[in-house]
């Protein structure tokens, strides 16, 4: 595969910094744009070019594209807090929609070949039934965050049909792993890790029977590597199709970390999904991707990462 020039937005954050590492390891040239509102320079690969900028800043972003001559945009920069999107939907839309349009206009202007977009399966499909939804399931976003992710998907289809800008949309399940931000959308694994390692009390909201599909960040990285050369103009779920309750997650992590305290149960958060998981059949067919890291192994790696952070 030829060496590509890749722009990664949000590349100081949890998922995209791991992707940047993999792209660099594969010999690609990587530029990272991040406003560091939630990302950290600690996550940024030394071999990447780093630009501190907000994706809504037109002059700054134009300058990055002008000098970069990028083949690929990998777009992870976003406002990812579901609750914040409920409190301030206009801010959510400004970052996630207007910020993305700023990037797409620059892609069009500067001849970028393809966009890989980090979307959100859980928030786009909404509440799941007994069967894990595939990509043909109706979109039913139940938060402004989910609505903005879905809106960007529609914009990507528009830019592809009118201007030939290719895309791959990856709809993630709940991603967890090293570098996870304990304040992120699916931050429960990071929050539990940190609290268990410090032996602090921790809360479970609701009865703990709500279920999620937890996919390890290393598996998500592989999907982003494969998408460089495959799955043009496709929407693809990236998940495990397995459901894990918050209570089960707590149990697994307590046994891995030696945590002995009981959780405190608090009232459920308004608007929280009860069941969310994804069918990955299309990823297998179109990307040649399937999850490789079991939950137990991934949780072990994550807890080890956080315990090393504690000692630093």
C-alpha atoms as a PDB file:
ATOM      1  CA  UNK A   1       0.000   0.000   0.000  1.00  0.00           C
ATOM      2  CA  UNK A   2       1.353   3.421  -0.905  1.00  0.00           C
ATOM      3  CA  UNK A   3       2.369   5.765   1.866  1.00  0.00           C
ATOM      4  CA  UNK A   4      -0.430   8.212   2.548  1.00  0.00           C
ATOM      5  CA  UNK A   5      -0.629  11.718   3.947  1.00  0.00           C
ATOM      6  CA  UNK A   6      -3.314  11.573   6.622  1.00  0.00           C
ATOM      7  CA  UNK A   7      -4.948  14.331   8.656  1.00  0.00           C
ATOM      8  CA  UNK A   8      -6.434  13.104  11.938  1.00  0.00           C
ATOM      9  CA  UNK A   9      -8.771  15.419  13.829  1.00  0.00           C
ATOM     10  CA  UNK A  10      -9.085  14.773  17.554  1.00  0.00           C
ATOM     11  CA  UNK A  11      -5.761  12.967  17.379  1.00  0.00           C
ATOM     12  CA  UNK A  12      -4.789  13.840  20.961  1.00  0.00           C
ATOM     13  CA  UNK A  13      -7.875  12.015  22.202  1.00  0.00           C
ATOM     14  CA  UNK A  14      -8.457   8.434  23.282  1.00  0.00           C
ATOM     15  CA  UNK A  15      -9.402   6.618  20.061  1.00  0.00           C
ATOM     16  CA  UNK A  16      -7.722   8.796  17.437  1.00  0.00           C
ATOM     17  CA  UNK A  17      -4.326   8.883  19.193  1.00  0.00           C
ATOM     18  CA  UNK A  18      -4.276   5.077  19.090  1.00  0.00           C
ATOM     19  CA  UNK A  19      -5.162   5.232  15.372  1.00  0.00           C
ATOM     20  CA  UNK A  20      -2.372   7.767  14.756  1.00  0.00           C
ATOM     21  CA  UNK A  21       0.137   5.371  16.330  1.00  0.00           C
ATOM     22  CA  UNK A  22      -0.961   2.580  13.975  1.00  0.00           C
ATOM     23  CA  UNK A  23      -0.881   4.773  10.857  1.00  0.00           C
ATOM     24  CA  UNK A  24       2.630   5.960  11.763  1.00  0.00           C
ATOM     25  CA  UNK A  25       3.764   2.384  12.467  1.00  0.00           C
ATOM     26  CA  UNK A  26       2.537   1.500   8.950  1.00  0.00           C
ATOM     27  CA  UNK A  27       4.744   4.225   7.464  1.00  0.00           C
ATOM     28  CA  UNK A  28       2.101   6.864   6.733  1.00  0.00           C
ATOM     29  CA  UNK A  29       2.661  10.573   7.301  1.00  0.00           C
ATOM     30  CA  UNK A  30       0.300  11.896   9.994  1.00  0.00           C
ATOM     31  CA  UNK A  31      -0.786  15.415  10.915  1.00  0.00           C
ATOM     32  CA  UNK A  32      -2.954  15.825  14.015  1.00  0.00           C
ATOM     33  CA  UNK A  33      -5.357  18.682  14.648  1.00  0.00           C
ATOM     34  CA  UNK A  34      -6.780  18.948  18.169  1.00  0.00           C
ATOM     35  CA  UNK A  35      -7.944  21.842  20.350  1.00  0.00           C
ATOM     36  CA  UNK A  36      -6.922  19.884  23.495  1.00  0.00           C
ATOM     37  CA  UNK A  37     -10.300  20.541  25.145  1.00  0.00           C
ATOM     38  CA  UNK A  38     -10.388  16.882  26.176  1.00  0.00           C
ATOM     39  CA  UNK A  39      -7.340  15.369  24.462  1.00  0.00           C
ATOM     40  CA  UNK A  40      -3.835  15.426  25.917  1.00  0.00           C
ATOM     41  CA  UNK A  41      -0.365  16.022  24.450  1.00  0.00           C
ATOM     42  CA  UNK A  42       0.667  12.936  26.417  1.00  0.00           C
ATOM     43  CA  UNK A  43      -1.224  10.869  23.818  1.00  0.00           C
ATOM     44  CA  UNK A  44       0.357  12.487  20.750  1.00  0.00           C
ATOM     45  CA  UNK A  45       2.891  10.429  18.815  1.00  0.00           C
ATOM     46  CA  UNK A  46       6.260  12.210  18.555  1.00  0.00           C
ATOM     47  CA  UNK A  47       6.432  11.394  14.836  1.00  0.00           C
ATOM     48  CA  UNK A  48       3.159  13.176  14.063  1.00  0.00           C
ATOM     49  CA  UNK A  49       2.979  16.824  13.113  1.00  0.00           C
ATOM     50  CA  UNK A  50       0.714  18.507  15.685  1.00  0.00           C
ATOM     51  CA  UNK A  51      -1.426  21.612  15.148  1.00  0.00           C
ATOM     52  CA  UNK A  52      -3.432  23.050  18.030  1.00  0.00           C
ATOM     53  CA  UNK A  53      -6.624  24.290  16.393  1.00  0.00           C
ATOM     54  CA  UNK A  54     -10.378  24.063  16.674  1.00  0.00           C
ATOM     55  CA  UNK A  55     -12.182  22.450  13.722  1.00  0.00           C
ATOM     56  CA  UNK A  56     -14.644  25.377  13.693  1.00  0.00           C
ATOM     57  CA  UNK A  57     -11.791  27.872  13.124  1.00  0.00           C
ATOM     58  CA  UNK A  58     -11.907  28.564   9.376  1.00  0.00           C
ATOM     59  CA  UNK A  59      -8.541  30.330   8.833  1.00  0.00           C
ATOM     60  CA  UNK A  60      -6.621  27.819  10.994  1.00  0.00           C
ATOM     61  CA  UNK A  61      -8.142  24.772   9.279  1.00  0.00           C
ATOM     62  CA  UNK A  62      -7.660  26.248   5.805  1.00  0.00           C
ATOM     63  CA  UNK A  63      -3.962  26.743   6.587  1.00  0.00           C
ATOM     64  CA  UNK A  64      -3.605  23.103   7.710  1.00  0.00           C
ATOM     65  CA  UNK A  65      -5.179  21.778   4.490  1.00  0.00           C
ATOM     66  CA  UNK A  66      -3.238  24.163   2.272  1.00  0.00           C
ATOM     67  CA  UNK A  67       0.129  23.043   3.592  1.00  0.00           C
ATOM     68  CA  UNK A  68      -0.775  19.377   4.096  1.00  0.00           C
ATOM     69  CA  UNK A  69      -1.852  18.028   0.660  1.00  0.00           C
ATOM     70  CA  UNK A  70      -3.684  15.173   2.400  1.00  0.00           C
ATOM     71  CA  UNK A  71      -4.911  11.951   0.810  1.00  0.00           C
ATOM     72  CA  UNK A  72      -7.170  11.035   3.740  1.00  0.00           C
ATOM     73  CA  UNK A  73      -9.063  12.834   6.483  1.00  0.00           C
ATOM     74  CA  UNK A  74      -9.702  10.677   9.558  1.00  0.00           C
ATOM     75  CA  UNK A  75     -12.291  12.666  11.481  1.00  0.00           C
ATOM     76  CA  UNK A  76     -12.638  11.983  15.214  1.00  0.00           C
ATOM     77  CA  UNK A  77     -12.790  15.523  16.666  1.00  0.00           C
ATOM     78  CA  UNK A  78     -16.203  15.995  18.256  1.00  0.00           C
ATOM     79  CA  UNK A  79     -18.227  17.091  21.225  1.00  0.00           C
ATOM     80  CA  UNK A  80     -18.877  13.569  22.584  1.00  0.00           C
ATOM     81  CA  UNK A  81     -20.690  14.155  25.851  1.00  0.00           C
ATOM     82  CA  UNK A  82     -24.312  13.042  25.419  1.00  0.00           C
ATOM     83  CA  UNK A  83     -25.474  14.904  28.519  1.00  0.00           C
ATOM     84  CA  UNK A  84     -23.736  18.108  27.414  1.00  0.00           C
ATOM     85  CA  UNK A  85     -25.492  17.791  24.045  1.00  0.00           C
ATOM     86  CA  UNK A  86     -28.839  17.681  25.865  1.00  0.00           C
ATOM     87  CA  UNK A  87     -27.959  20.761  27.941  1.00  0.00           C
ATOM     88  CA  UNK A  88     -26.562  22.766  25.020  1.00  0.00           C
ATOM     89  CA  UNK A  89     -27.670  21.339  21.651  1.00  0.00           C
ATOM     90  CA  UNK A  90     -26.519  24.459  19.788  1.00  0.00           C
ATOM     91  CA  UNK A  91     -22.913  24.054  20.988  1.00  0.00           C
ATOM     92  CA  UNK A  92     -23.057  20.360  20.077  1.00  0.00           C
ATOM     93  CA  UNK A  93     -24.243  21.244  16.555  1.00  0.00           C
ATOM     94  CA  UNK A  94     -21.636  23.994  16.166  1.00  0.00           C
ATOM     95  CA  UNK A  95     -18.773  21.589  16.822  1.00  0.00           C
ATOM     96  CA  UNK A  96     -20.143  18.390  15.308  1.00  0.00           C
ATOM     97  CA  UNK A  97     -21.969  19.778  12.259  1.00  0.00           C
ATOM     98  CA  UNK A  98     -20.424  23.169  11.454  1.00  0.00           C
ATOM     99  CA  UNK A  99     -16.941  21.975  12.419  1.00  0.00           C
ATOM    100  CA  UNK A 100     -17.327  18.969  10.120  1.00  0.00           C
ATOM    101  CA  UNK A 101     -18.644  21.119   7.247  1.00  0.00           C
ATOM    102  CA  UNK A 102     -15.560  23.316   7.613  1.00  0.00           C
ATOM    103  CA  UNK A 103     -13.412  20.189   7.173  1.00  0.00           C
ATOM    104  CA  UNK A 104     -15.466  18.838   4.249  1.00  0.00           C
ATOM    105  CA  UNK A 105     -15.335  22.146   2.367  1.00  0.00           C
ATOM    106  CA  UNK A 106     -11.545  22.070   2.735  1.00  0.00           C
ATOM    107  CA  UNK A 107     -11.433  18.435   1.575  1.00  0.00           C
ATOM    108  CA  UNK A 108     -13.360  19.443  -1.553  1.00  0.00           C
ATOM    109  CA  UNK A 109     -11.153  22.466  -2.177  1.00  0.00           C
ATOM    110  CA  UNK A 110      -7.814  20.731  -1.602  1.00  0.00           C
ATOM    111  CA  UNK A 111      -8.440  17.424  -3.387  1.00  0.00           C
ATOM    112  CA  UNK A 112      -8.601  15.073  -0.386  1.00  0.00           C
ATOM    113  CA  UNK A 113      -9.551  11.604  -1.643  1.00  0.00           C
ATOM    114  CA  UNK A 114     -11.433  10.105   1.264  1.00  0.00           C
ATOM    115  CA  UNK A 115     -12.918  10.749   4.698  1.00  0.00           C
ATOM    116  CA  UNK A 116     -13.032   8.123   7.453  1.00  0.00           C
ATOM    117  CA  UNK A 117     -15.657   9.272   9.928  1.00  0.00           C
ATOM    118  CA  UNK A 118     -16.112   8.112  13.513  1.00  0.00           C
ATOM    119  CA  UNK A 119     -19.843   7.775  14.022  1.00  0.00           C
ATOM    120  CA  UNK A 120     -21.769   6.265  16.918  1.00  0.00           C
ATOM    121  CA  UNK A 121     -23.828   3.100  16.580  1.00  0.00           C
ATOM    122  CA  UNK A 122     -25.378   3.254  20.016  1.00  0.00           C
ATOM    123  CA  UNK A 123     -26.689   6.785  19.716  1.00  0.00           C
ATOM    124  CA  UNK A 124     -27.809   6.491  16.076  1.00  0.00           C
ATOM    125  CA  UNK A 125     -29.845   3.279  16.420  1.00  0.00           C
ATOM    126  CA  UNK A 126     -31.288   4.266  19.792  1.00  0.00           C
ATOM    127  CA  UNK A 127     -32.912   1.593  21.959  1.00  0.00           C
ATOM    128  CA  UNK A 128     -32.229  -1.933  20.604  1.00  0.00           C
ATOM    129  CA  UNK A 129     -34.617  -4.890  20.491  1.00  0.00           C
ATOM    130  CA  UNK A 130     -33.604  -8.554  20.861  1.00  0.00           C
ATOM    131  CA  UNK A 131     -31.578  -8.521  17.632  1.00  0.00           C
ATOM    132  CA  UNK A 132     -28.385  -6.508  17.173  1.00  0.00           C
ATOM    133  CA  UNK A 133     -29.105  -3.898  14.478  1.00  0.00           C
ATOM    134  CA  UNK A 134     -27.253  -3.995  11.180  1.00  0.00           C
ATOM    135  CA  UNK A 135     -26.586  -0.953   9.005  1.00  0.00           C
ATOM    136  CA  UNK A 136     -30.011  -1.144   7.313  1.00  0.00           C
ATOM    137  CA  UNK A 137     -31.827  -0.538  10.629  1.00  0.00           C
ATOM    138  CA  UNK A 138     -33.654   2.767  10.934  1.00  0.00           C
ATOM    139  CA  UNK A 139     -31.777   5.638  12.522  1.00  0.00           C
ATOM    140  CA  UNK A 140     -33.476   6.667  15.741  1.00  0.00           C
ATOM    141  CA  UNK A 141     -31.113   9.047  17.558  1.00  0.00           C
ATOM    142  CA  UNK A 142     -32.453  10.000  20.975  1.00  0.00           C
ATOM    143  CA  UNK A 143     -29.996  12.801  21.835  1.00  0.00           C
ATOM    144  CA  UNK A 144     -28.679  15.910  20.054  1.00  0.00           C
ATOM    145  CA  UNK A 145     -25.282  14.151  19.954  1.00  0.00           C
ATOM    146  CA  UNK A 146     -26.779  11.211  18.026  1.00  0.00           C
ATOM    147  CA  UNK A 147     -28.632  13.617  15.732  1.00  0.00           C
ATOM    148  CA  UNK A 148     -25.421  15.489  14.846  1.00  0.00           C
ATOM    149  CA  UNK A 149     -23.552  12.236  14.128  1.00  0.00           C
ATOM    150  CA  UNK A 150     -26.372  11.130  11.834  1.00  0.00           C
ATOM    151  CA  UNK A 151     -26.508  14.551  10.140  1.00  0.00           C
ATOM    152  CA  UNK A 152     -22.791  14.301   9.324  1.00  0.00           C
ATOM    153  CA  UNK A 153     -23.372  10.870   7.749  1.00  0.00           C
ATOM    154  CA  UNK A 154     -25.993  12.451   5.459  1.00  0.00           C
ATOM    155  CA  UNK A 155     -23.613  15.301   4.573  1.00  0.00           C
ATOM    156  CA  UNK A 156     -20.914  12.753   3.697  1.00  0.00           C
ATOM    157  CA  UNK A 157     -23.287  11.038   1.264  1.00  0.00           C
ATOM    158  CA  UNK A 158     -24.024  14.440  -0.280  1.00  0.00           C
ATOM    159  CA  UNK A 159     -20.319  15.319  -0.714  1.00  0.00           C
ATOM    160  CA  UNK A 160     -19.695  11.882  -2.250  1.00  0.00           C
ATOM    161  CA  UNK A 161     -22.519  12.128  -4.773  1.00  0.00           C
ATOM    162  CA  UNK A 162     -21.888  15.741  -5.786  1.00  0.00           C
ATOM    163  CA  UNK A 163     -18.113  16.103  -5.505  1.00  0.00           C
ATOM    164  CA  UNK A 164     -16.781  12.523  -5.574  1.00  0.00           C
ATOM    165  CA  UNK A 165     -15.339  12.758  -2.044  1.00  0.00           C
ATOM    166  CA  UNK A 166     -15.222   9.136  -0.866  1.00  0.00           C
ATOM    167  CA  UNK A 167     -16.069   8.168   2.700  1.00  0.00           C
ATOM    168  CA  UNK A 168     -16.190   5.264   5.112  1.00  0.00           C
ATOM    169  CA  UNK A 169     -18.477   5.751   8.092  1.00  0.00           C
ATOM    170  CA  UNK A 170     -17.581   3.592  11.093  1.00  0.00           C
ATOM    171  CA  UNK A 171     -20.407   3.347  13.612  1.00  0.00           C
ATOM    172  CA  UNK A 172     -18.722   2.402  16.871  1.00  0.00           C
ATOM    173  CA  UNK A 173     -20.186   0.478  19.765  1.00  0.00           C
ATOM    174  CA  UNK A 174     -18.880   1.474  23.243  1.00  0.00           C
ATOM    175  CA  UNK A 175     -15.134   1.770  22.747  1.00  0.00           C
ATOM    176  CA  UNK A 176     -12.878   1.240  25.774  1.00  0.00           C
ATOM    177  CA  UNK A 177      -9.180   0.745  26.426  1.00  0.00           C
ATOM    178  CA  UNK A 178      -5.865   2.471  27.186  1.00  0.00           C
ATOM    179  CA  UNK A 179      -5.968   6.302  27.115  1.00  0.00           C
ATOM    180  CA  UNK A 180      -9.728   6.339  27.593  1.00  0.00           C
ATOM    181  CA  UNK A 181     -11.023   9.576  29.045  1.00  0.00           C
ATOM    182  CA  UNK A 182     -13.066   8.943  32.190  1.00  0.00           C
ATOM    183  CA  UNK A 183     -15.356  11.781  31.080  1.00  0.00           C
ATOM    184  CA  UNK A 184     -16.122  10.390  27.631  1.00  0.00           C
ATOM    185  CA  UNK A 185     -19.348   9.021  26.214  1.00  0.00           C
ATOM    186  CA  UNK A 186     -18.540   5.420  27.086  1.00  0.00           C
ATOM    187  CA  UNK A 187     -16.216   6.334  29.925  1.00  0.00           C
ATOM    188  CA  UNK A 188     -17.560   3.774  32.402  1.00  0.00           C
ATOM    189  CA  UNK A 189     -14.579   1.416  31.969  1.00  0.00           C
ATOM    190  CA  UNK A 190     -12.104   4.249  32.596  1.00  0.00           C
ATOM    191  CA  UNK A 191     -14.111   5.550  35.566  1.00  0.00           C
ATOM    192  CA  UNK A 192     -14.357   2.075  37.127  1.00  0.00           C
ATOM    193  CA  UNK A 193     -10.634   1.445  36.486  1.00  0.00           C
ATOM    194  CA  UNK A 194      -9.526   4.645  38.179  1.00  0.00           C
ATOM    195  CA  UNK A 195     -11.856   4.336  41.158  1.00  0.00           C
ATOM    196  CA  UNK A 196     -11.061   0.652  41.728  1.00  0.00           C
ATOM    197  CA  UNK A 197      -7.315   1.253  41.592  1.00  0.00           C
ATOM    198  CA  UNK A 198      -7.664   4.086  44.122  1.00  0.00           C
ATOM    199  CA  UNK A 199     -10.062   1.952  46.176  1.00  0.00           C
ATOM    200  CA  UNK A 200     -12.696   4.694  46.032  1.00  0.00           C
ATOM    201  CA  UNK A 201     -16.473   4.246  46.244  1.00  0.00           C
ATOM    202  CA  UNK A 202     -18.152   4.065  42.877  1.00  0.00           C
ATOM    203  CA  UNK A 203     -21.687   4.613  41.592  1.00  0.00           C
ATOM    204  CA  UNK A 204     -23.882   2.636  39.240  1.00  0.00           C
ATOM    205  CA  UNK A 205     -26.758   4.645  37.760  1.00  0.00           C
ATOM    206  CA  UNK A 206     -30.047   2.762  37.485  1.00  0.00           C
ATOM    207  CA  UNK A 207     -30.268  -0.920  38.444  1.00  0.00           C
ATOM    208  CA  UNK A 208     -27.080  -1.874  36.560  1.00  0.00           C
ATOM    209  CA  UNK A 209     -28.973  -4.205  34.242  1.00  0.00           C
ATOM    210  CA  UNK A 210     -28.587  -1.835  31.298  1.00  0.00           C
ATOM    211  CA  UNK A 211     -26.425  -3.506  28.642  1.00  0.00           C
ATOM    212  CA  UNK A 212     -23.800  -2.295  26.201  1.00  0.00           C
ATOM    213  CA  UNK A 213     -21.552  -3.663  23.479  1.00  0.00           C
ATOM    214  CA  UNK A 214     -17.952  -3.028  24.580  1.00  0.00           C
ATOM    215  CA  UNK A 215     -15.352  -3.056  21.796  1.00  0.00           C
ATOM    216  CA  UNK A 216     -11.623  -2.785  22.536  1.00  0.00           C
ATOM    217  CA  UNK A 217      -9.804   0.241  21.114  1.00  0.00           C
ATOM    218  CA  UNK A 218      -7.170  -1.985  19.448  1.00  0.00           C
ATOM    219  CA  UNK A 219      -9.928  -3.619  17.393  1.00  0.00           C
ATOM    220  CA  UNK A 220     -11.315  -0.192  16.458  1.00  0.00           C
ATOM    221  CA  UNK A 221      -7.826   0.865  15.338  1.00  0.00           C
ATOM    222  CA  UNK A 222      -7.655  -2.148  12.987  1.00  0.00           C
ATOM    223  CA  UNK A 223     -10.945  -1.088  11.388  1.00  0.00           C
ATOM    224  CA  UNK A 224      -9.498   2.387  10.764  1.00  0.00           C
ATOM    225  CA  UNK A 225      -6.392   0.884   9.155  1.00  0.00           C
ATOM    226  CA  UNK A 226      -8.471  -1.372   6.880  1.00  0.00           C
ATOM    227  CA  UNK A 227     -10.726   1.556   5.917  1.00  0.00           C
ATOM    228  CA  UNK A 228      -7.774   3.368   4.313  1.00  0.00           C
ATOM    229  CA  UNK A 229      -8.116   1.130   1.254  1.00  0.00           C
ATOM    230  CA  UNK A 230     -11.497  -0.590   1.601  1.00  0.00           C
ATOM    231  CA  UNK A 231     -15.230   0.024   2.075  1.00  0.00           C
ATOM    232  CA  UNK A 232     -15.529   3.205   0.013  1.00  0.00           C
ATOM    233  CA  UNK A 233     -18.899   4.945   0.455  1.00  0.00           C
ATOM    234  CA  UNK A 234     -20.067   2.421   3.040  1.00  0.00           C
ATOM    235  CA  UNK A 235     -21.514   2.633   6.537  1.00  0.00           C
ATOM    236  CA  UNK A 236     -20.089  -0.075   8.802  1.00  0.00           C
ATOM    237  CA  UNK A 237     -20.848  -1.128  12.375  1.00  0.00           C
ATOM    238  CA  UNK A 238     -17.803  -1.760  14.569  1.00  0.00           C
ATOM    239  CA  UNK A 239     -18.885  -3.757  17.611  1.00  0.00           C
ATOM    240  CA  UNK A 240     -18.926  -7.274  19.037  1.00  0.00           C
ATOM    241  CA  UNK A 241     -22.686  -8.109  18.968  1.00  0.00           C
ATOM    242  CA  UNK A 242     -22.269  -9.154  22.627  1.00  0.00           C
ATOM    243  CA  UNK A 243     -24.219  -7.592  25.472  1.00  0.00           C
ATOM    244  CA  UNK A 244     -22.646  -6.909  28.866  1.00  0.00           C
ATOM    245  CA  UNK A 245     -24.596  -5.383  31.746  1.00  0.00           C
ATOM    246  CA  UNK A 246     -23.051  -2.696  33.929  1.00  0.00           C
ATOM    247  CA  UNK A 247     -23.350  -5.103  36.884  1.00  0.00           C
ATOM    248  CA  UNK A 248     -21.424  -7.782  34.962  1.00  0.00           C
ATOM    249  CA  UNK A 249     -18.808  -5.249  33.893  1.00  0.00           C
ATOM    250  CA  UNK A 250     -18.393  -4.190  37.530  1.00  0.00           C
ATOM    251  CA  UNK A 251     -17.969  -7.832  38.605  1.00  0.00           C
ATOM    252  CA  UNK A 252     -15.373  -8.589  35.913  1.00  0.00           C
ATOM    253  CA  UNK A 253     -13.357  -5.477  36.691  1.00  0.00           C
ATOM    254  CA  UNK A 254     -13.549  -5.949  40.466  1.00  0.00           C
ATOM    255  CA  UNK A 255     -12.126  -9.457  40.125  1.00  0.00           C
ATOM    256  CA  UNK A 256      -9.346  -8.250  37.777  1.00  0.00           C
ATOM    257  CA  UNK A 257      -8.363  -5.337  40.033  1.00  0.00           C
ATOM    258  CA  UNK A 258      -8.949  -6.928  43.452  1.00  0.00           C
ATOM    259  CA  UNK A 259     -11.603  -4.321  44.340  1.00  0.00           C
ATOM    260  CA  UNK A 260     -13.686  -5.355  47.348  1.00  0.00           C
ATOM    261  CA  UNK A 261     -16.210  -2.506  47.815  1.00  0.00           C
ATOM    262  CA  UNK A 262     -19.849  -2.746  46.769  1.00  0.00           C
ATOM    263  CA  UNK A 263     -21.175  -0.200  44.258  1.00  0.00           C
ATOM    264  CA  UNK A 264     -23.693   2.469  45.308  1.00  0.00           C
ATOM    265  CA  UNK A 265     -26.825   2.442  43.141  1.00  0.00           C
ATOM    266  CA  UNK A 266     -28.058   5.905  42.112  1.00  0.00           C
ATOM    267  CA  UNK A 267     -31.156   6.992  40.153  1.00  0.00           C
ATOM    268  CA  UNK A 268     -30.996   6.245  36.422  1.00  0.00           C
ATOM    269  CA  UNK A 269     -29.867   9.096  34.195  1.00  0.00           C
ATOM    270  CA  UNK A 270     -32.594  10.569  31.997  1.00  0.00           C
ATOM    271  CA  UNK A 271     -32.389   9.535  28.346  1.00  0.00           C
ATOM    272  CA  UNK A 272     -29.952   6.678  28.927  1.00  0.00           C
ATOM    273  CA  UNK A 273     -30.408   3.673  26.636  1.00  0.00           C
ATOM    274  CA  UNK A 274     -31.265   0.377  28.277  1.00  0.00           C
ATOM    275  CA  UNK A 275     -29.899  -1.928  25.581  1.00  0.00           C
ATOM    276  CA  UNK A 276     -27.391  -1.167  22.841  1.00  0.00           C
ATOM    277  CA  UNK A 277     -25.336  -3.545  20.680  1.00  0.00           C
ATOM    278  CA  UNK A 278     -24.226  -3.855  17.046  1.00  0.00           C
ATOM    279  CA  UNK A 279     -24.198  -6.525  14.352  1.00  0.00           C
ATOM    280  CA  UNK A 280     -20.747  -6.620  12.674  1.00  0.00           C
ATOM    281  CA  UNK A 281     -21.570  -8.952   9.738  1.00  0.00           C
ATOM    282  CA  UNK A 282     -20.976  -6.241   7.144  1.00  0.00           C
ATOM    283  CA  UNK A 283     -17.586  -5.328   8.649  1.00  0.00           C
ATOM    284  CA  UNK A 284     -16.554  -8.954   8.196  1.00  0.00           C
ATOM    285  CA  UNK A 285     -17.680  -8.990   4.570  1.00  0.00           C
ATOM    286  CA  UNK A 286     -16.623  -5.534   3.387  1.00  0.00           C
ATOM    287  CA  UNK A 287     -13.613  -4.710   5.593  1.00  0.00           C
ATOM    288  CA  UNK A 288     -12.412  -8.200   6.505  1.00  0.00           C
ATOM    289  CA  UNK A 289     -12.768  -7.105  10.143  1.00  0.00           C
ATOM    290  CA  UNK A 290     -14.028  -8.832  13.232  1.00  0.00           C
ATOM    291  CA  UNK A 291     -13.375  -8.231  16.932  1.00  0.00           C
ATOM    292  CA  UNK A 292     -10.281 -10.093  18.141  1.00  0.00           C
ATOM    293  CA  UNK A 293      -9.879  -9.002  21.776  1.00  0.00           C
ATOM    294  CA  UNK A 294     -12.243 -10.558  24.327  1.00  0.00           C
ATOM    295  CA  UNK A 295     -13.803  -8.342  26.983  1.00  0.00           C
ATOM    296  CA  UNK A 296     -11.822 -10.048  29.755  1.00  0.00           C
ATOM    297  CA  UNK A 297      -8.511  -9.567  27.942  1.00  0.00           C
ATOM    298  CA  UNK A 298      -9.331  -5.969  26.984  1.00  0.00           C
ATOM    299  CA  UNK A 299     -10.387  -5.056  30.521  1.00  0.00           C
ATOM    300  CA  UNK A 300      -7.161  -6.563  31.860  1.00  0.00           C
ATOM    301  CA  UNK A 301      -5.087  -4.457  29.451  1.00  0.00           C
ATOM    302  CA  UNK A 302      -7.063  -1.333  30.356  1.00  0.00           C
ATOM    303  CA  UNK A 303      -6.686  -1.807  34.107  1.00  0.00           C
ATOM    304  CA  UNK A 304      -2.940  -2.426  33.642  1.00  0.00           C
ATOM    305  CA  UNK A 305      -2.684   0.801  31.636  1.00  0.00           C
ATOM    306  CA  UNK A 306      -4.424   2.837  34.348  1.00  0.00           C
ATOM    307  CA  UNK A 307      -2.377   1.252  37.131  1.00  0.00           C
ATOM    308  CA  UNK A 308       0.819   2.235  35.269  1.00  0.00           C
ATOM    309  CA  UNK A 309      -0.563   5.791  34.929  1.00  0.00           C
ATOM    310  CA  UNK A 310      -1.136   5.879  38.696  1.00  0.00           C
ATOM    311  CA  UNK A 311       2.517   5.045  39.370  1.00  0.00           C
ATOM    312  CA  UNK A 312       3.880   7.622  36.900  1.00  0.00           C
END
